[in-house]
Amino acid sequence: MAKKSSKRLKRWSKHVNETSNALDLERSVFKKSSAKEIARSLKRSAEHSTRRKTKPFQSAMSMLSFYINRAGKNLPEKQKDTLERAKDELRGLYHREKS
């Protein structure tokens, strides 16, 4: 079985973000240094999106998880910690408890 090239994998996730009923995200939102800024941006995007098919909280959390999972081991530990804290911030913005 032939290995898929990393270029093809990158195109797959880009294709998902561009064509699925995902959110229209602010540019470089996941590279921000503040978990609060990331959470606020995702909330804004989720609430203003015309492409989502579920509630804003679920859409925003799904995009954040999707990014963390796709970046995988290439994601620096500091940025991963910031993104994980952004999940908690997002829960707080929507008055949700961690399950």
N, C-alpha and C. Protein backbone atom coordinates (compact mmCIF):
# COMPACT_ATOMS: atom_id res chain seq x y z
N MET A 1 0.84 -1.19 0.00
CA MET A 1 0.00 0.00 0.00
C MET A 1 0.89 1.25 0.00
N ALA A 2 0.64 2.14 -0.90
CA ALA A 2 1.47 3.35 -1.02
C ALA A 2 1.10 4.36 0.06
N LYS A 3 2.11 5.09 0.51
CA LYS A 3 1.90 6.14 1.50
C LYS A 3 1.31 7.36 0.82
N LYS A 4 0.39 8.02 1.51
CA LYS A 4 -0.14 9.27 0.99
C LYS A 4 0.85 10.38 1.31
N SER A 5 1.04 11.26 0.40
CA SER A 5 1.98 12.36 0.64
C SER A 5 1.38 13.35 1.63
N SER A 6 2.25 14.05 2.34
CA SER A 6 1.78 15.04 3.31
C SER A 6 1.07 16.18 2.58
N LYS A 7 1.46 16.45 1.35
CA LYS A 7 0.80 17.50 0.57
C LYS A 7 -0.67 17.15 0.37
N ARG A 8 -0.92 15.88 0.06
CA ARG A 8 -2.31 15.45 -0.14
C ARG A 8 -3.11 15.56 1.15
N LEU A 9 -2.50 15.20 2.26
CA LEU A 9 -3.19 15.30 3.55
C LEU A 9 -3.51 16.75 3.88
N LYS A 10 -2.59 17.65 3.59
CA LYS A 10 -2.83 19.07 3.85
C LYS A 10 -4.00 19.56 3.01
N ARG A 11 -4.05 19.12 1.79
CA ARG A 11 -5.15 19.53 0.92
C ARG A 11 -6.48 19.00 1.44
N TRP A 12 -6.47 17.80 2.02
CA TRP A 12 -7.70 17.22 2.55
C TRP A 12 -8.28 18.10 3.64
N SER A 13 -7.48 18.51 4.62
CA SER A 13 -8.01 19.33 5.71
C SER A 13 -8.39 20.72 5.22
N LYS A 14 -7.65 21.24 4.26
CA LYS A 14 -8.00 22.54 3.68
C LYS A 14 -9.34 22.43 2.96
N HIS A 15 -9.51 21.35 2.22
CA HIS A 15 -10.78 21.11 1.52
C HIS A 15 -11.94 21.03 2.50
N VAL A 16 -11.75 20.34 3.62
CA VAL A 16 -12.80 20.23 4.64
C VAL A 16 -13.17 21.61 5.14
N ASN A 17 -12.18 22.43 5.47
CA ASN A 17 -12.46 23.77 5.99
C ASN A 17 -13.16 24.66 4.97
N GLU A 18 -12.83 24.50 3.70
CA GLU A 18 -13.39 25.39 2.69
C GLU A 18 -14.77 24.96 2.18
N THR A 19 -15.05 23.67 2.18
CA THR A 19 -16.28 23.22 1.54
C THR A 19 -17.32 22.62 2.47
N SER A 20 -16.94 22.29 3.68
CA SER A 20 -17.92 21.70 4.59
C SER A 20 -18.77 22.82 5.18
N ASN A 21 -19.74 22.43 5.95
CA ASN A 21 -20.56 23.41 6.64
C ASN A 21 -19.86 23.81 7.92
N ALA A 22 -18.65 24.24 7.76
CA ALA A 22 -17.83 24.69 8.88
C ALA A 22 -18.02 26.19 9.06
N LEU A 23 -17.27 26.74 9.96
CA LEU A 23 -17.38 28.17 10.21
C LEU A 23 -16.45 28.96 9.30
N ASP A 24 -16.81 30.19 9.06
CA ASP A 24 -15.92 31.13 8.39
C ASP A 24 -15.10 31.77 9.50
N LEU A 25 -13.85 31.34 9.63
CA LEU A 25 -13.01 31.76 10.74
C LEU A 25 -12.18 32.99 10.42
N GLU A 26 -11.86 33.73 11.47
CA GLU A 26 -10.92 34.84 11.37
C GLU A 26 -9.56 34.28 10.98
N ARG A 27 -8.83 34.97 10.16
CA ARG A 27 -7.51 34.51 9.71
C ARG A 27 -6.56 34.35 10.90
N SER A 28 -5.85 33.24 10.95
CA SER A 28 -4.85 32.92 11.97
C SER A 28 -5.41 32.88 13.39
N VAL A 29 -6.68 32.56 13.52
CA VAL A 29 -7.31 32.55 14.85
C VAL A 29 -6.61 31.57 15.79
N PHE A 30 -6.16 30.44 15.30
CA PHE A 30 -5.57 29.42 16.16
C PHE A 30 -4.12 29.73 16.53
N LYS A 31 -3.57 30.78 15.96
CA LYS A 31 -2.18 31.15 16.26
C LYS A 31 -2.10 32.29 17.28
N LYS A 32 -3.23 32.76 17.74
CA LYS A 32 -3.24 33.82 18.75
C LYS A 32 -2.61 33.29 20.04
N SER A 33 -2.05 34.18 20.82
CA SER A 33 -1.36 33.75 22.04
C SER A 33 -2.28 33.71 23.26
N SER A 34 -3.47 34.24 23.14
CA SER A 34 -4.40 34.30 24.26
C SER A 34 -5.57 33.34 24.05
N ALA A 35 -5.82 32.49 25.03
CA ALA A 35 -6.95 31.56 24.96
C ALA A 35 -8.27 32.32 24.91
N LYS A 36 -8.35 33.44 25.62
CA LYS A 36 -9.58 34.24 25.62
C LYS A 36 -9.86 34.81 24.23
N GLU A 37 -8.81 35.30 23.56
CA GLU A 37 -8.98 35.85 22.21
C GLU A 37 -9.45 34.78 21.24
N ILE A 38 -8.87 33.60 21.34
CA ILE A 38 -9.26 32.49 20.46
C ILE A 38 -10.73 32.14 20.70
N ALA A 39 -11.11 32.00 21.96
CA ALA A 39 -12.49 31.64 22.29
C ALA A 39 -13.48 32.69 21.81
N ARG A 40 -13.16 33.96 22.04
CA ARG A 40 -14.05 35.04 21.60
C ARG A 40 -14.21 35.06 20.08
N SER A 41 -13.11 34.85 19.38
CA SER A 41 -13.15 34.84 17.92
C SER A 41 -14.00 33.67 17.41
N LEU A 42 -13.82 32.50 18.00
CA LEU A 42 -14.62 31.34 17.60
C LEU A 42 -16.10 31.57 17.89
N LYS A 43 -16.40 32.17 19.02
CA LYS A 43 -17.79 32.45 19.36
C LYS A 43 -18.41 33.42 18.35
N ARG A 44 -17.66 34.48 18.04
CA ARG A 44 -18.14 35.45 17.04
C ARG A 44 -18.41 34.76 15.71
N SER A 45 -17.45 33.95 15.27
CA SER A 45 -17.59 33.25 13.98
C SER A 45 -18.79 32.31 13.99
N ALA A 46 -18.96 31.58 15.09
CA ALA A 46 -20.05 30.61 15.17
C ALA A 46 -21.41 31.30 15.16
N GLU A 47 -21.50 32.42 15.84
CA GLU A 47 -22.79 33.11 15.92
C GLU A 47 -23.16 33.86 14.64
N HIS A 48 -22.16 34.20 13.83
CA HIS A 48 -22.43 34.93 12.60
C HIS A 48 -22.41 34.06 11.34
N SER A 49 -22.05 32.80 11.50
CA SER A 49 -21.92 31.92 10.35
C SER A 49 -23.27 31.55 9.77
N THR A 50 -23.32 31.52 8.45
CA THR A 50 -24.53 31.06 7.76
C THR A 50 -24.33 29.63 7.26
N ARG A 51 -23.12 29.06 7.50
CA ARG A 51 -22.80 27.74 6.98
C ARG A 51 -22.98 26.62 8.02
N ARG A 52 -23.10 26.97 9.27
CA ARG A 52 -23.16 25.92 10.29
C ARG A 52 -24.52 25.24 10.30
N LYS A 53 -24.54 23.98 10.73
CA LYS A 53 -25.78 23.22 10.78
C LYS A 53 -26.18 22.84 12.20
N THR A 54 -25.43 23.31 13.17
CA THR A 54 -25.72 22.99 14.55
C THR A 54 -25.64 24.27 15.38
N LYS A 55 -25.77 24.15 16.67
CA LYS A 55 -25.74 25.33 17.54
C LYS A 55 -24.34 25.93 17.57
N PRO A 56 -24.25 27.24 17.83
CA PRO A 56 -22.95 27.92 17.81
C PRO A 56 -21.89 27.29 18.70
N PHE A 57 -22.25 26.91 19.93
CA PHE A 57 -21.26 26.33 20.83
C PHE A 57 -20.65 25.06 20.24
N GLN A 58 -21.50 24.18 19.74
CA GLN A 58 -21.01 22.92 19.19
C GLN A 58 -20.15 23.16 17.95
N SER A 59 -20.52 24.09 17.12
CA SER A 59 -19.74 24.40 15.92
C SER A 59 -18.36 24.95 16.29
N ALA A 60 -18.33 25.87 17.24
CA ALA A 60 -17.07 26.47 17.65
C ALA A 60 -16.15 25.43 18.29
N MET A 61 -16.70 24.61 19.17
CA MET A 61 -15.90 23.59 19.84
C MET A 61 -15.41 22.55 18.83
N SER A 62 -16.22 22.22 17.87
CA SER A 62 -15.82 21.25 16.84
C SER A 62 -14.66 21.77 16.01
N MET A 63 -14.69 23.04 15.64
CA MET A 63 -13.60 23.60 14.85
C MET A 63 -12.30 23.64 15.65
N LEU A 64 -12.40 23.95 16.93
CA LEU A 64 -11.22 23.99 17.79
C LEU A 64 -10.63 22.59 17.93
N SER A 65 -11.47 21.61 18.17
CA SER A 65 -11.00 20.22 18.29
C SER A 65 -10.43 19.71 16.97
N PHE A 66 -11.07 20.07 15.87
CA PHE A 66 -10.60 19.67 14.54
C PHE A 66 -9.18 20.19 14.32
N TYR A 67 -8.95 21.46 14.67
CA TYR A 67 -7.63 22.04 14.47
C TYR A 67 -6.59 21.34 15.34
N ILE A 68 -6.90 21.11 16.61
CA ILE A 68 -5.96 20.44 17.51
C ILE A 68 -5.64 19.05 17.00
N ASN A 69 -6.64 18.32 16.57
CA ASN A 69 -6.43 16.95 16.09
C ASN A 69 -5.65 16.91 14.78
N ARG A 70 -5.91 17.85 13.87
CA ARG A 70 -5.20 17.85 12.59
C ARG A 70 -3.74 18.28 12.76
N ALA A 71 -3.49 19.19 13.68
CA ALA A 71 -2.11 19.65 13.89
C ALA A 71 -1.28 18.56 14.55
N GLY A 72 -1.89 17.78 15.41
CA GLY A 72 -1.25 16.63 16.04
C GLY A 72 0.09 16.93 16.67
N LYS A 73 1.06 16.09 16.39
CA LYS A 73 2.37 16.22 17.02
C LYS A 73 3.18 17.39 16.47
N ASN A 74 2.72 18.02 15.40
CA ASN A 74 3.41 19.19 14.87
C ASN A 74 3.08 20.47 15.63
N LEU A 75 2.11 20.39 16.52
CA LEU A 75 1.68 21.55 17.29
C LEU A 75 2.61 21.74 18.49
N PRO A 76 3.24 22.90 18.61
CA PRO A 76 4.11 23.14 19.77
C PRO A 76 3.32 23.02 21.08
N GLU A 77 3.97 22.51 22.10
CA GLU A 77 3.32 22.26 23.39
C GLU A 77 2.67 23.53 23.96
N LYS A 78 3.36 24.65 23.84
CA LYS A 78 2.82 25.92 24.36
C LYS A 78 1.51 26.29 23.65
N GLN A 79 1.49 26.13 22.33
CA GLN A 79 0.27 26.46 21.58
C GLN A 79 -0.84 25.46 21.88
N LYS A 80 -0.49 24.19 22.06
CA LYS A 80 -1.50 23.20 22.39
C LYS A 80 -2.14 23.52 23.74
N ASP A 81 -1.32 23.94 24.71
CA ASP A 81 -1.85 24.34 26.02
C ASP A 81 -2.80 25.52 25.89
N THR A 82 -2.42 26.49 25.05
CA THR A 82 -3.28 27.66 24.83
C THR A 82 -4.61 27.23 24.21
N LEU A 83 -4.56 26.33 23.24
CA LEU A 83 -5.79 25.87 22.59
C LEU A 83 -6.67 25.07 23.54
N GLU A 84 -6.06 24.28 24.40
CA GLU A 84 -6.83 23.53 25.40
C GLU A 84 -7.49 24.49 26.39
N ARG A 85 -6.79 25.54 26.78
CA ARG A 85 -7.39 26.55 27.66
C ARG A 85 -8.51 27.29 26.93
N ALA A 86 -8.37 27.44 25.63
CA ALA A 86 -9.42 28.10 24.83
C ALA A 86 -10.72 27.30 24.89
N LYS A 87 -10.61 25.98 24.98
CA LYS A 87 -11.82 25.16 25.13
C LYS A 87 -12.56 25.54 26.41
N ASP A 88 -11.79 25.68 27.51
CA ASP A 88 -12.41 26.07 28.78
C ASP A 88 -13.01 27.47 28.70
N GLU A 89 -12.31 28.39 28.04
CA GLU A 89 -12.83 29.74 27.85
C GLU A 89 -14.12 29.73 27.04
N LEU A 90 -14.15 28.91 26.01
CA LEU A 90 -15.34 28.80 25.17
C LEU A 90 -16.52 28.26 25.98
N ARG A 91 -16.26 27.26 26.79
CA ARG A 91 -17.31 26.73 27.67
C ARG A 91 -17.84 27.84 28.59
N GLY A 92 -16.93 28.63 29.11
CA GLY A 92 -17.34 29.73 29.98
C GLY A 92 -18.20 30.77 29.26
N LEU A 93 -17.83 31.09 28.03
CA LEU A 93 -18.59 32.07 27.25
C LEU A 93 -20.02 31.59 26.98
N TYR A 94 -20.17 30.28 26.89
CA TYR A 94 -21.51 29.71 26.64
C TYR A 94 -22.15 29.13 27.90
N HIS A 95 -21.55 29.42 29.05
CA HIS A 95 -22.07 28.94 30.34
C HIS A 95 -22.29 27.44 30.36
N ARG A 96 -21.28 26.73 29.87
CA ARG A 96 -21.31 25.26 29.86
C ARG A 96 -20.29 24.72 30.84
N GLU A 97 -20.56 23.56 31.38
CA GLU A 97 -19.60 22.90 32.27
C GLU A 97 -18.82 21.88 31.48
N LYS A 98 -17.60 21.62 31.94
CA LYS A 98 -16.77 20.57 31.32
C LYS A 98 -17.40 19.22 31.62
N SER A 99 -17.57 18.41 30.59
CA SER A 99 -18.20 17.10 30.81
C SER A 99 -17.19 16.03 31.10
